[in-house]
């Protein structure tokens, strides 16, 4: 149970409440936006909290123990506050959020009611909905390694050891939000089918310069070479936009061996028996004679 500060407790006991809520969002680029449900602007801790932003929140759900506190809010997409473009650019992904309960007649009388980060954001035509998760959400992740048949390293990192080389290309045409027809990959031997699937595309020029996209597929079609992205870029690409394309890995032992010749540094457990073998027993069949499964 959260304890109230004496000043806030006295304000609630007075019978005439002068309390409002203020919350600040610190974006990934360091910009801090302040909002309040009061009808006048407030300022404290170096932050200006603006009213009339169309930003409202639901009830805060608090839990005992290590359960995650959460809260949702809705707001209007406005050019002077939270914009659709900034959301699409990922500036609010994982942004820090702090909410205060404030006596608007004396803003120095305040207490932190919630601290956490921005979770899922859902966009509409004119508004957005955002989920805020408490600080304990950071504990909601696997600790240490997990036994899996697939590799748990990232392609090209120190544990993987593969040296990645990017191939330069450019956009010929935008087929839809996620599919691009590209130039620079005409040599089928140097750039075989699927080589860059599950890889990365890093924009060098254009509206998305400096941003990275996750690649879903790389294929040769009748009209040319096409790249399919996992999701549409934040800004629409244009013909002529240049990029670097890095190969991908499906984290299987076969790909590590055949594509990258790196099986000695494979970080998975490809010979780990599945559930079917846990319930198996020796028998007359070749694969159930009680010997090794890999001979």
Foldseek 3Di string as FASTA:
>chain_A
DDDADPVQVVQVVVVDHQKWKKKWWQWPVRDIAIAICDPCWDDDPHYIHDYPQQKAWDDWDDDPDLDKIKIKIKGWADPVHHHPLCVLQVRQDFIKMWMKIARVVDRVRIDTPAIFGWHDKADDDTMIMTMTIGPSVVVVDDDDDDADQFFPDAPPDPLQPFPWDWFKKFFADDPDQFKTAIDRCPPCVVPPFFFQAQWKKAWCDDPRHGDIFGWHGWHADPVHIMTGTPGGHSDHGDGGTMIITITRDPRHLVCCCPVRVRNVSRRHDNQDDDPVVVPAAADPDPCRPPDDNPD
